[in-house]
Amino acid sequence: MDDAADEAQPPKFDQAVADSYVGKYIIVGITYHDHAGKEIRQQQMHGAIERASPQGMLISLRGTQQSQTWNMPPDFRAIVRANPGTYTLRGTKEVIKDPDLLATWDIHEPQKH
């Protein structure tokens, strides 16, 4: 299979890996693109991973989105370990010190027909 075909396949879910993320603090960045690939907007959020299953990773949000949750797709390819340090969210200017994980997502509108 070529790389493009690999990306089209749903990722295999590994419960042991998922369990290792529970309780970790994560910053999530989402970039939205239109059907032509032009960036429309960005969104950032942060919080603690409450649970992880094949249905998603439930994040209990903090800061300006306190008391809300977000169910992140269970695709571990989007997650990396965060380097120690201070992270400032662009939109809200919230400062997060030493998160455990970072996740980035690119959302593309479907092509218009």
PDB file of N, CA and C in Angstrom:
ATOM      1  N   MET A   1       0.831  -1.199   0.000  1.00  0.00           N
ATOM      2  CA  MET A   1       0.000   0.000   0.000  1.00  0.00           C
ATOM      3  C   MET A   1       0.865   1.249   0.000  1.00  0.00           C
ATOM      4  N   ASP A   2       0.419   2.277  -0.691  1.00  0.00           N
ATOM      5  CA  ASP A   2       1.190   3.509  -0.674  1.00  0.00           C
ATOM      6  C   ASP A   2       0.768   4.365   0.520  1.00  0.00           C
ATOM      7  N   ASP A   3       1.516   5.456   0.772  1.00  0.00           N
ATOM      8  CA  ASP A   3       1.242   6.313   1.920  1.00  0.00           C
ATOM      9  C   ASP A   3      -0.159   6.899   1.885  1.00  0.00           C
ATOM     10  N   ALA A   4      -0.632   7.298   0.712  1.00  0.00           N
ATOM     11  CA  ALA A   4      -1.973   7.883   0.604  1.00  0.00           C
ATOM     12  C   ALA A   4      -3.026   6.866   1.008  1.00  0.00           C
ATOM     13  N   ALA A   5      -2.838   5.622   0.598  1.00  0.00           N
ATOM     14  CA  ALA A   5      -3.797   4.580   0.974  1.00  0.00           C
ATOM     15  C   ALA A   5      -3.743   4.331   2.474  1.00  0.00           C
ATOM     16  N   ASP A   6      -2.535   4.372   3.060  1.00  0.00           N
ATOM     17  CA  ASP A   6      -2.398   4.181   4.503  1.00  0.00           C
ATOM     18  C   ASP A   6      -3.148   5.263   5.270  1.00  0.00           C
ATOM     19  N   GLU A   7      -3.067   6.519   4.802  1.00  0.00           N
ATOM     20  CA  GLU A   7      -3.747   7.613   5.472  1.00  0.00           C
ATOM     21  C   GLU A   7      -5.262   7.471   5.377  1.00  0.00           C
ATOM     22  N   ALA A   8      -5.760   6.828   4.329  1.00  0.00           N
ATOM     23  CA  ALA A   8      -7.196   6.672   4.141  1.00  0.00           C
ATOM     24  C   ALA A   8      -7.767   5.587   5.046  1.00  0.00           C
ATOM     25  N   GLN A   9      -6.922   4.687   5.508  1.00  0.00           N
ATOM     26  CA  GLN A   9      -7.382   3.605   6.370  1.00  0.00           C
ATOM     27  C   GLN A   9      -7.603   4.131   7.790  1.00  0.00           C
ATOM     28  N   PRO A  10      -8.662   3.679   8.456  1.00  0.00           N
ATOM     29  CA  PRO A  10      -8.830   4.095   9.846  1.00  0.00           C
ATOM     30  C   PRO A  10      -7.694   3.522  10.686  1.00  0.00           C
ATOM     31  N   PRO A  11      -7.225   4.294  11.655  1.00  0.00           N
ATOM     32  CA  PRO A  11      -6.123   3.803  12.480  1.00  0.00           C
ATOM     33  C   PRO A  11      -6.579   2.643  13.362  1.00  0.00           C
ATOM     34  N   LYS A  12      -5.659   1.746  13.652  1.00  0.00           N
ATOM     35  CA  LYS A  12      -5.968   0.659  14.577  1.00  0.00           C
ATOM     36  C   LYS A  12      -6.012   1.228  15.984  1.00  0.00           C
ATOM     37  N   PHE A  13      -7.006   0.806  16.747  1.00  0.00           N
ATOM     38  CA  PHE A  13      -7.149   1.297  18.110  1.00  0.00           C
ATOM     39  C   PHE A  13      -6.413   0.354  19.043  1.00  0.00           C
ATOM     40  N   ASP A  14      -5.597   0.906  19.915  1.00  0.00           N
ATOM     41  CA  ASP A  14      -4.832   0.142  20.892  1.00  0.00           C
ATOM     42  C   ASP A  14      -5.260   0.609  22.285  1.00  0.00           C
ATOM     43  N   GLN A  15      -6.008  -0.218  23.011  1.00  0.00           N
ATOM     44  CA  GLN A  15      -6.532   0.189  24.312  1.00  0.00           C
ATOM     45  C   GLN A  15      -5.422   0.483  25.311  1.00  0.00           C
ATOM     46  N   ALA A  16      -4.313  -0.242  25.241  1.00  0.00           N
ATOM     47  CA  ALA A  16      -3.198   0.016  26.161  1.00  0.00           C
ATOM     48  C   ALA A  16      -2.627   1.417  25.944  1.00  0.00           C
ATOM     49  N   VAL A  17      -2.471   1.808  24.691  1.00  0.00           N
ATOM     50  CA  VAL A  17      -1.995   3.158  24.395  1.00  0.00           C
ATOM     51  C   VAL A  17      -3.036   4.169  24.872  1.00  0.00           C
ATOM     52  N   ALA A  18      -4.297   3.915  24.573  1.00  0.00           N
ATOM     53  CA  ALA A  18      -5.373   4.816  24.996  1.00  0.00           C
ATOM     54  C   ALA A  18      -5.366   4.994  26.510  1.00  0.00           C
ATOM     55  N   ASP A  19      -5.235   3.892  27.232  1.00  0.00           N
ATOM     56  CA  ASP A  19      -5.218   3.954  28.700  1.00  0.00           C
ATOM     57  C   ASP A  19      -4.052   4.791  29.210  1.00  0.00           C
ATOM     58  N   SER A  20      -2.921   4.768  28.491  1.00  0.00           N
ATOM     59  CA  SER A  20      -1.750   5.536  28.932  1.00  0.00           C
ATOM     60  C   SER A  20      -1.992   7.043  28.825  1.00  0.00           C
ATOM     61  N   TYR A  21      -2.976   7.452  28.035  1.00  0.00           N
ATOM     62  CA  TYR A  21      -3.294   8.870  27.883  1.00  0.00           C
ATOM     63  C   TYR A  21      -4.288   9.373  28.930  1.00  0.00           C
ATOM     64  N   VAL A  22      -5.035   8.486  29.550  1.00  0.00           N
ATOM     65  CA  VAL A  22      -6.044   8.899  30.540  1.00  0.00           C
ATOM     66  C   VAL A  22      -5.344   9.584  31.715  1.00  0.00           C
ATOM     67  N   GLY A  23      -5.878  10.753  32.080  1.00  0.00           N
ATOM     68  CA  GLY A  23      -5.315  11.544  33.164  1.00  0.00           C
ATOM     69  C   GLY A  23      -4.277  12.552  32.703  1.00  0.00           C
ATOM     70  N   LYS A  24      -3.864  12.469  31.456  1.00  0.00           N
ATOM     71  CA  LYS A  24      -2.866  13.402  30.921  1.00  0.00           C
ATOM     72  C   LYS A  24      -3.522  14.717  30.523  1.00  0.00           C
ATOM     73  N   TYR A  25      -2.734  15.788  30.601  1.00  0.00           N
ATOM     74  CA  TYR A  25      -3.207  17.111  30.215  1.00  0.00           C
ATOM     75  C   TYR A  25      -2.806  17.362  28.771  1.00  0.00           C
ATOM     76  N   ILE A  26      -3.751  17.813  27.953  1.00  0.00           N
ATOM     77  CA  ILE A  26      -3.519  17.938  26.511  1.00  0.00           C
ATOM     78  C   ILE A  26      -3.952  19.301  26.004  1.00  0.00           C
ATOM     79  N   ILE A  27      -3.203  19.816  25.059  1.00  0.00           N
ATOM     80  CA  ILE A  27      -3.602  21.000  24.286  1.00  0.00           C
ATOM     81  C   ILE A  27      -3.960  20.504  22.892  1.00  0.00           C
ATOM     82  N   VAL A  28      -5.119  20.918  22.396  1.00  0.00           N
ATOM     83  CA  VAL A  28      -5.591  20.498  21.081  1.00  0.00           C
ATOM     84  C   VAL A  28      -5.693  21.732  20.186  1.00  0.00           C
ATOM     85  N   GLY A  29      -5.129  21.620  18.998  1.00  0.00           N
ATOM     86  CA  GLY A  29      -5.235  22.676  18.001  1.00  0.00           C
ATOM     87  C   GLY A  29      -5.939  22.144  16.762  1.00  0.00           C
ATOM     88  N   ILE A  30      -6.928  22.883  16.291  1.00  0.00           N
ATOM     89  CA  ILE A  30      -7.689  22.479  15.113  1.00  0.00           C
ATOM     90  C   ILE A  30      -7.619  23.609  14.088  1.00  0.00           C
ATOM     91  N   THR A  31      -7.241  23.264  12.860  1.00  0.00           N
ATOM     92  CA  THR A  31      -7.238  24.229  11.768  1.00  0.00           C
ATOM     93  C   THR A  31      -8.293  23.797  10.763  1.00  0.00           C
ATOM     94  N   TYR A  32      -9.204  24.693  10.447  1.00  0.00           N
ATOM     95  CA  TYR A  32     -10.287  24.425   9.500  1.00  0.00           C
ATOM     96  C   TYR A  32      -9.914  25.015   8.145  1.00  0.00           C
ATOM     97  N   HIS A  33     -10.140  24.228   7.085  1.00  0.00           N
ATOM     98  CA  HIS A  33      -9.829  24.653   5.719  1.00  0.00           C
ATOM     99  C   HIS A  33     -11.093  24.565   4.866  1.00  0.00           C
ATOM    100  N   ASP A  34     -11.203  25.461   3.884  1.00  0.00           N
ATOM    101  CA  ASP A  34     -12.334  25.366   2.965  1.00  0.00           C
ATOM    102  C   ASP A  34     -12.062  24.270   1.936  1.00  0.00           C
ATOM    103  N   HIS A  35     -12.989  24.083   1.007  1.00  0.00           N
ATOM    104  CA  HIS A  35     -12.872  23.002   0.023  1.00  0.00           C
ATOM    105  C   HIS A  35     -11.655  23.163  -0.891  1.00  0.00           C
ATOM    106  N   ALA A  36     -11.130  24.388  -1.004  1.00  0.00           N
ATOM    107  CA  ALA A  36      -9.961  24.636  -1.849  1.00  0.00           C
ATOM    108  C   ALA A  36      -8.652  24.519  -1.066  1.00  0.00           C
ATOM    109  N   GLY A  37      -8.758  24.273   0.239  1.00  0.00           N
ATOM    110  CA  GLY A  37      -7.560  24.129   1.057  1.00  0.00           C
ATOM    111  C   GLY A  37      -7.129  25.392   1.777  1.00  0.00           C
ATOM    112  N   LYS A  38      -7.868  26.498   1.591  1.00  0.00           N
ATOM    113  CA  LYS A  38      -7.533  27.758   2.256  1.00  0.00           C
ATOM    114  C   LYS A  38      -7.956  27.694   3.723  1.00  0.00           C
ATOM    115  N   GLU A  39      -7.058  28.156   4.590  1.00  0.00           N
ATOM    116  CA  GLU A  39      -7.366  28.167   6.019  1.00  0.00           C
ATOM    117  C   GLU A  39      -8.504  29.139   6.306  1.00  0.00           C
ATOM    118  N   ILE A  40      -9.510  28.647   7.036  1.00  0.00           N
ATOM    119  CA  ILE A  40     -10.664  29.463   7.403  1.00  0.00           C
ATOM    120  C   ILE A  40     -10.494  30.025   8.809  1.00  0.00           C
ATOM    121  N   ARG A  41     -10.155  29.133   9.746  1.00  0.00           N
ATOM    122  CA  ARG A  41     -10.004  29.565  11.137  1.00  0.00           C
ATOM    123  C   ARG A  41      -9.233  28.509  11.919  1.00  0.00           C
ATOM    124  N   GLN A  42      -8.831  28.897  13.121  1.00  0.00           N
ATOM    125  CA  GLN A  42      -8.163  27.983  14.027  1.00  0.00           C
ATOM    126  C   GLN A  42      -8.888  27.990  15.363  1.00  0.00           C
ATOM    127  N   GLN A  43      -8.769  26.880  16.065  1.00  0.00           N
ATOM    128  CA  GLN A  43      -9.369  26.753  17.386  1.00  0.00           C
ATOM    129  C   GLN A  43      -8.381  25.996  18.262  1.00  0.00           C
ATOM    130  N   GLN A  44      -8.273  26.403  19.508  1.00  0.00           N
ATOM    131  CA  GLN A  44      -7.436  25.686  20.460  1.00  0.00           C
ATOM    132  C   GLN A  44      -8.231  25.461  21.732  1.00  0.00           C
ATOM    133  N   MET A  45      -7.937  24.352  22.375  1.00  0.00           N
ATOM    134  CA  MET A  45      -8.574  24.030  23.654  1.00  0.00           C
ATOM    135  C   MET A  45      -7.603  23.201  24.469  1.00  0.00           C
ATOM    136  N   HIS A  46      -7.893  23.062  25.753  1.00  0.00           N
ATOM    137  CA  HIS A  46      -7.005  22.294  26.607  1.00  0.00           C
ATOM    138  C   HIS A  46      -7.793  21.679  27.756  1.00  0.00           C
ATOM    139  N   GLY A  47      -7.262  20.579  28.279  1.00  0.00           N
ATOM    140  CA  GLY A  47      -7.915  19.927  29.403  1.00  0.00           C
ATOM    141  C   GLY A  47      -7.315  18.564  29.681  1.00  0.00           C
ATOM    142  N   ALA A  48      -7.996  17.830  30.545  1.00  0.00           N
ATOM    143  CA  ALA A  48      -7.532  16.512  30.971  1.00  0.00           C
ATOM    144  C   ALA A  48      -8.310  15.420  30.245  1.00  0.00           C
ATOM    145  N   ILE A  49      -7.587  14.398  29.819  1.00  0.00           N
ATOM    146  CA  ILE A  49      -8.239  13.260  29.157  1.00  0.00           C
ATOM    147  C   ILE A  49      -8.891  12.404  30.234  1.00  0.00           C
ATOM    148  N   GLU A  50     -10.212  12.307  30.181  1.00  0.00           N
ATOM    149  CA  GLU A  50     -10.976  11.579  31.193  1.00  0.00           C
ATOM    150  C   GLU A  50     -11.095  10.093  30.882  1.00  0.00           C
ATOM    151  N   ARG A  51     -11.305   9.771  29.612  1.00  0.00           N
ATOM    152  CA  ARG A  51     -11.405   8.361  29.218  1.00  0.00           C
ATOM    153  C   ARG A  51     -11.118   8.236  27.726  1.00  0.00           C
ATOM    154  N   ALA A  52     -10.747   7.016  27.343  1.00  0.00           N
ATOM    155  CA  ALA A  52     -10.410   6.763  25.942  1.00  0.00           C
ATOM    156  C   ALA A  52     -10.953   5.410  25.541  1.00  0.00           C
ATOM    157  N   SER A  53     -11.607   5.382  24.382  1.00  0.00           N
ATOM    158  CA  SER A  53     -12.193   4.149  23.862  1.00  0.00           C
ATOM    159  C   SER A  53     -12.192   4.248  22.340  1.00  0.00           C
ATOM    160  N   PRO A  54     -12.595   3.187  21.649  1.00  0.00           N
ATOM    161  CA  PRO A  54     -12.683   3.282  20.187  1.00  0.00           C
ATOM    162  C   PRO A  54     -13.664   4.365  19.719  1.00  0.00           C
ATOM    163  N   GLN A  55     -14.558   4.825  20.601  1.00  0.00           N
ATOM    164  CA  GLN A  55     -15.515   5.876  20.242  1.00  0.00           C
ATOM    165  C   GLN A  55     -14.926   7.272  20.390  1.00  0.00           C
ATOM    166  N   GLY A  56     -13.768   7.398  21.014  1.00  0.00           N
ATOM    167  CA  GLY A  56     -13.142   8.704  21.154  1.00  0.00           C
ATOM    168  C   GLY A  56     -12.442   8.879  22.480  1.00  0.00           C
ATOM    169  N   MET A  57     -11.758  10.004  22.579  1.00  0.00           N
ATOM    170  CA  MET A  57     -11.047  10.361  23.802  1.00  0.00           C
ATOM    171  C   MET A  57     -11.751  11.565  24.402  1.00  0.00           C
ATOM    172  N   LEU A  58     -12.387  11.374  25.545  1.00  0.00           N
ATOM    173  CA  LEU A  58     -13.165  12.433  26.168  1.00  0.00           C
ATOM    174  C   LEU A  58     -12.242  13.340  26.969  1.00  0.00           C
ATOM    175  N   ILE A  59     -12.248  14.624  26.587  1.00  0.00           N
ATOM    176  CA  ILE A  59     -11.410  15.616  27.251  1.00  0.00           C
ATOM    177  C   ILE A  59     -12.306  16.536  28.067  1.00  0.00           C
ATOM    178  N   SER A  60     -11.997  16.655  29.350  1.00  0.00           N
ATOM    179  CA  SER A  60     -12.682  17.593  30.233  1.00  0.00           C
ATOM    180  C   SER A  60     -11.939  18.922  30.102  1.00  0.00           C
ATOM    181  N   LEU A  61     -12.580  19.879  29.438  1.00  0.00           N
ATOM    182  CA  LEU A  61     -11.918  21.128  29.091  1.00  0.00           C
ATOM    183  C   LEU A  61     -11.745  22.038  30.301  1.00  0.00           C
ATOM    184  N   ARG A  62     -10.729  22.868  30.235  1.00  0.00           N
ATOM    185  CA  ARG A  62     -10.400  23.814  31.296  1.00  0.00           C
ATOM    186  C   ARG A  62     -10.314  25.217  30.700  1.00  0.00           C
ATOM    187  N   GLY A  63     -10.036  26.178  31.542  1.00  0.00           N
ATOM    188  CA  GLY A  63      -9.869  27.564  31.096  1.00  0.00           C
ATOM    189  C   GLY A  63     -11.177  28.174  30.649  1.00  0.00           C
ATOM    190  N   THR A  64     -11.178  28.845  29.506  1.00  0.00           N
ATOM    191  CA  THR A  64     -12.373  29.537  29.025  1.00  0.00           C
ATOM    192  C   THR A  64     -13.491  28.571  28.657  1.00  0.00           C
ATOM    193  N   GLN A  65     -13.167  27.290  28.505  1.00  0.00           N
ATOM    194  CA  GLN A  65     -14.187  26.287  28.172  1.00  0.00           C
ATOM    195  C   GLN A  65     -14.451  25.339  29.350  1.00  0.00           C
ATOM    196  N   GLN A  66     -14.111  25.812  30.542  1.00  0.00           N
ATOM    197  CA  GLN A  66     -14.324  25.039  31.770  1.00  0.00           C
ATOM    198  C   GLN A  66     -15.739  24.478  31.812  1.00  0.00           C
ATOM    199  N   SER A  67     -15.877  23.272  32.282  1.00  0.00           N
ATOM    200  CA  SER A  67     -17.136  22.526  32.452  1.00  0.00           C
ATOM    201  C   SER A  67     -17.719  22.018  31.135  1.00  0.00           C
ATOM    202  N   GLN A  68     -16.996  22.172  30.025  1.00  0.00           N
ATOM    203  CA  GLN A  68     -17.400  21.578  28.752  1.00  0.00           C
ATOM    204  C   GLN A  68     -16.514  20.367  28.487  1.00  0.00           C
ATOM    205  N   THR A  69     -16.955  19.504  27.586  1.00  0.00           N
ATOM    206  CA  THR A  69     -16.141  18.365  27.186  1.00  0.00           C
ATOM    207  C   THR A  69     -16.010  18.358  25.663  1.00  0.00           C
ATOM    208  N   TRP A  70     -15.007  17.654  25.186  1.00  0.00           N
ATOM    209  CA  TRP A  70     -14.824  17.470  23.747  1.00  0.00           C
ATOM    210  C   TRP A  70     -14.393  16.040  23.521  1.00  0.00           C
ATOM    211  N   ASN A  71     -15.035  15.381  22.593  1.00  0.00           N
ATOM    212  CA  ASN A  71     -14.699  13.997  22.270  1.00  0.00           C
ATOM    213  C   ASN A  71     -13.779  13.994  21.048  1.00  0.00           C
ATOM    214  N   MET A  72     -12.503  13.776  21.302  1.00  0.00           N
ATOM    215  CA  MET A  72     -11.499  13.791  20.237  1.00  0.00           C
ATOM    216  C   MET A  72     -11.481  12.441  19.538  1.00  0.00           C
ATOM    217  N   PRO A  73     -11.358  12.426  18.221  1.00  0.00           N
ATOM    218  CA  PRO A  73     -11.262  11.143  17.522  1.00  0.00           C
ATOM    219  C   PRO A  73     -10.110  10.298  18.087  1.00  0.00           C
ATOM    220  N   PRO A  74     -10.274   8.987  18.143  1.00  0.00           N
ATOM    221  CA  PRO A  74      -9.249   8.126  18.732  1.00  0.00           C
ATOM    222  C   PRO A  74      -8.131   7.774  17.748  1.00  0.00           C
ATOM    223  N   ASP A  75      -7.586   8.781  17.113  1.00  0.00           N
ATOM    224  CA  ASP A  75      -6.503   8.605  16.152  1.00  0.00           C
ATOM    225  C   ASP A  75      -5.220   9.104  16.809  1.00  0.00           C
ATOM    226  N   PHE A  76      -4.422   8.172  17.287  1.00  0.00           N
ATOM    227  CA  PHE A  76      -3.228   8.516  18.053  1.00  0.00           C
ATOM    228  C   PHE A  76      -2.147   9.180  17.202  1.00  0.00           C
ATOM    229  N   ARG A  77      -2.284   9.144  15.877  1.00  0.00           N
ATOM    230  CA  ARG A  77      -1.305   9.791  15.010  1.00  0.00           C
ATOM    231  C   ARG A  77      -1.300  11.302  15.200  1.00  0.00           C
ATOM    232  N   ALA A  78      -2.392  11.856  15.738  1.00  0.00           N
ATOM    233  CA  ALA A  78      -2.487  13.305  15.935  1.00  0.00           C
ATOM    234  C   ALA A  78      -1.832  13.760  17.235  1.00  0.00           C
ATOM    235  N   ILE A  79      -1.411  12.824  18.089  1.00  0.00           N
ATOM    236  CA  ILE A  79      -0.937  13.147  19.434  1.00  0.00           C
ATOM    237  C   ILE A  79       0.578  12.988  19.518  1.00  0.00           C
ATOM    238  N   VAL A  80       1.219  13.986  20.132  1.00  0.00           N
ATOM    239  CA  VAL A  80       2.650  13.911  20.430  1.00  0.00           C
ATOM    240  C   VAL A  80       2.870  14.345  21.874  1.00  0.00           C
ATOM    241  N   ARG A  81       3.959  13.893  22.430  1.00  0.00           N
ATOM    242  CA  ARG A  81       4.354  14.354  23.770  1.00  0.00           C
ATOM    243  C   ARG A  81       4.755  15.824  23.677  1.00  0.00           C
ATOM    244  N   ALA A  82       4.325  16.604  24.653  1.00  0.00           N
ATOM    245  CA  ALA A  82       4.663  18.029  24.672  1.00  0.00           C
ATOM    246  C   ALA A  82       6.035  18.224  25.305  1.00  0.00           C
ATOM    247  N   ASN A  83       6.796  19.152  24.767  1.00  0.00           N
ATOM    248  CA  ASN A  83       8.044  19.539  25.403  1.00  0.00           C
ATOM    249  C   ASN A  83       7.710  20.368  26.639  1.00  0.00           C
ATOM    250  N   PRO A  84       8.501  20.251  27.699  1.00  0.00           N
ATOM    251  CA  PRO A  84       8.245  21.092  28.872  1.00  0.00           C
ATOM    252  C   PRO A  84       8.304  22.565  28.490  1.00  0.00           C
ATOM    253  N   GLY A  85       7.478  23.356  29.134  1.00  0.00           N
ATOM    254  CA  GLY A  85       7.494  24.787  28.860  1.00  0.00           C
ATOM    255  C   GLY A  85       6.120  25.404  28.966  1.00  0.00           C
ATOM    256  N   THR A  86       6.056  26.651  28.576  1.00  0.00           N
ATOM    257  CA  THR A  86       4.824  27.426  28.649  1.00  0.00           C
ATOM    258  C   THR A  86       4.266  27.597  27.242  1.00  0.00           C
ATOM    259  N   TYR A  87       2.971  27.312  27.093  1.00  0.00           N
ATOM    260  CA  TYR A  87       2.278  27.416  25.809  1.00  0.00           C
ATOM    261  C   TYR A  87       1.181  28.470  25.955  1.00  0.00           C
ATOM    262  N   THR A  88       1.121  29.408  25.025  1.00  0.00           N
ATOM    263  CA  THR A  88       0.095  30.444  25.038  1.00  0.00           C
ATOM    264  C   THR A  88      -0.851  30.197  23.866  1.00  0.00           C
ATOM    265  N   LEU A  89      -2.139  30.046  24.164  1.00  0.00           N
ATOM    266  CA  LEU A  89      -3.132  29.816  23.116  1.00  0.00           C
ATOM    267  C   LEU A  89      -3.366  31.125  22.362  1.00  0.00           C
ATOM    268  N   ARG A  90      -3.404  31.028  21.041  1.00  0.00           N
ATOM    269  CA  ARG A  90      -3.520  32.231  20.200  1.00  0.00           C
ATOM    270  C   ARG A  90      -4.809  33.006  20.446  1.00  0.00           C
ATOM    271  N   GLY A  91      -5.936  32.305  20.417  1.00  0.00           N
ATOM    272  CA  GLY A  91      -7.224  32.986  20.474  1.00  0.00           C
ATOM    273  C   GLY A  91      -7.576  33.561  21.824  1.00  0.00           C
ATOM    274  N   THR A  92      -7.254  32.851  22.892  1.00  0.00           N
ATOM    275  CA  THR A  92      -7.683  33.262  24.230  1.00  0.00           C
ATOM    276  C   THR A  92      -6.563  33.841  25.075  1.00  0.00           C
ATOM    277  N   LYS A  93      -5.321  33.671  24.622  1.00  0.00           N
ATOM    278  CA  LYS A  93      -4.124  34.113  25.357  1.00  0.00           C
ATOM    279  C   LYS A  93      -3.945  33.353  26.681  1.00  0.00           C
ATOM    280  N   GLU A  94      -4.672  32.237  26.841  1.00  0.00           N
ATOM    281  CA  GLU A  94      -4.478  31.415  28.036  1.00  0.00           C
ATOM    282  C   GLU A  94      -3.068  30.839  28.016  1.00  0.00           C
ATOM    283  N   VAL A  95      -2.468  30.738  29.181  1.00  0.00           N
ATOM    284  CA  VAL A  95      -1.121  30.204  29.309  1.00  0.00           C
ATOM    285  C   VAL A  95      -1.209  28.843  30.001  1.00  0.00           C
ATOM    286  N   ILE A  96      -0.659  27.821  29.344  1.00  0.00           N
ATOM    287  CA  ILE A  96      -0.666  26.457  29.868  1.00  0.00           C
ATOM    288  C   ILE A  96       0.795  26.089  30.142  1.00  0.00           C
ATOM    289  N   LYS A  97       1.075  25.692  31.365  1.00  0.00           N
ATOM    290  CA  LYS A  97       2.441  25.334  31.739  1.00  0.00           C
ATOM    291  C   LYS A  97       2.599  23.815  31.766  1.00  0.00           C
ATOM    292  N   ASP A  98       3.569  23.338  31.040  1.00  0.00           N
ATOM    293  CA  ASP A  98       3.971  21.929  31.029  1.00  0.00           C
ATOM    294  C   ASP A  98       2.841  20.931  30.776  1.00  0.00           C
ATOM    295  N   PRO A  99       2.111  21.066  29.667  1.00  0.00           N
ATOM    296  CA  PRO A  99       1.112  20.027  29.347  1.00  0.00           C
ATOM    297  C   PRO A  99       1.845  18.720  29.039  1.00  0.00           C
ATOM    298  N   ASP A 100       1.110  17.624  29.118  1.00  0.00           N
ATOM    299  CA  ASP A 100       1.703  16.320  28.809  1.00  0.00           C
ATOM    300  C   ASP A 100       1.731  16.045  27.310  1.00  0.00           C
ATOM    301  N   LEU A 101       0.655  16.446  26.626  1.00  0.00           N
ATOM    302  CA  LEU A 101       0.460  16.061  25.230  1.00  0.00           C
ATOM    303  C   LEU A 101      -0.011  17.239  24.386  1.00  0.00           C
ATOM    304  N   LEU A 102       0.227  17.132  23.083  1.00  0.00           N
ATOM    305  CA  LEU A 102      -0.301  18.077  22.094  1.00  0.00           C
ATOM    306  C   LEU A 102      -0.996  17.263  21.016  1.00  0.00           C
ATOM    307  N   ALA A 103      -2.094  17.781  20.500  1.00  0.00           N
ATOM    308  CA  ALA A 103      -2.776  17.136  19.371  1.00  0.00           C
ATOM    309  C   ALA A 103      -3.102  18.209  18.353  1.00  0.00           C
ATOM    310  N   THR A 104      -2.873  17.889  17.086  1.00  0.00           N
ATOM    311  CA  THR A 104      -3.215  18.832  16.023  1.00  0.00           C
ATOM    312  C   THR A 104      -4.088  18.135  14.992  1.00  0.00           C
ATOM    313  N   TRP A 105      -5.070  18.884  14.523  1.00  0.00           N
ATOM    314  CA  TRP A 105      -6.035  18.364  13.550  1.00  0.00           C
ATOM    315  C   TRP A 105      -6.207  19.370  12.431  1.00  0.00           C
ATOM    316  N   ASP A 106      -6.341  18.889  11.217  1.00  0.00           N
ATOM    317  CA  ASP A 106      -6.704  19.689  10.054  1.00  0.00           C
ATOM    318  C   ASP A 106      -8.035  19.160   9.553  1.00  0.00           C
ATOM    319  N   ILE A 107      -9.034  20.030   9.535  1.00  0.00           N
ATOM    320  CA  ILE A 107     -10.374  19.671   9.076  1.00  0.00           C
ATOM    321  C   ILE A 107     -10.602  20.345   7.717  1.00  0.00           C
ATOM    322  N   HIS A 108     -10.930  19.568   6.712  1.00  0.00           N
ATOM    323  CA  HIS A 108     -11.131  20.093   5.365  1.00  0.00           C
ATOM    324  C   HIS A 108     -12.593  19.925   4.942  1.00  0.00           C
ATOM    325  N   GLU A 109     -13.187  21.025   4.448  1.00  0.00           N
ATOM    326  CA  GLU A 109     -14.527  20.935   3.888  1.00  0.00           C
ATOM    327  C   GLU A 109     -14.481  20.028   2.673  1.00  0.00           C
ATOM    328  N   PRO A 110     -15.545  19.300   2.383  1.00  0.00           N
ATOM    329  CA  PRO A 110     -15.549  18.475   1.178  1.00  0.00           C
ATOM    330  C   PRO A 110     -15.533  19.330  -0.081  1.00  0.00           C
ATOM    331  N   GLN A 111     -15.040  18.754  -1.150  1.00  0.00           N
ATOM    332  CA  GLN A 111     -15.023  19.445  -2.453  1.00  0.00           C
ATOM    333  C   GLN A 111     -16.457  19.718  -2.887  1.00  0.00           C
ATOM    334  N   LYS A 112     -16.663  20.897  -3.468  1.00  0.00           N
ATOM    335  CA  LYS A 112     -17.980  21.219  -4.008  1.00  0.00           C
ATOM    336  C   LYS A 112     -18.097  20.571  -5.384  1.00  0.00           C
ATOM    337  N   HIS A 113     -19.284  20.079  -5.687  1.00  0.00           N
ATOM    338  CA  HIS A 113     -19.502  19.404  -6.985  1.00  0.00           C
ATOM    339  C   HIS A 113     -20.302  20.277  -7.906  1.00  0.00           C
TER     340      HIS A 113
END
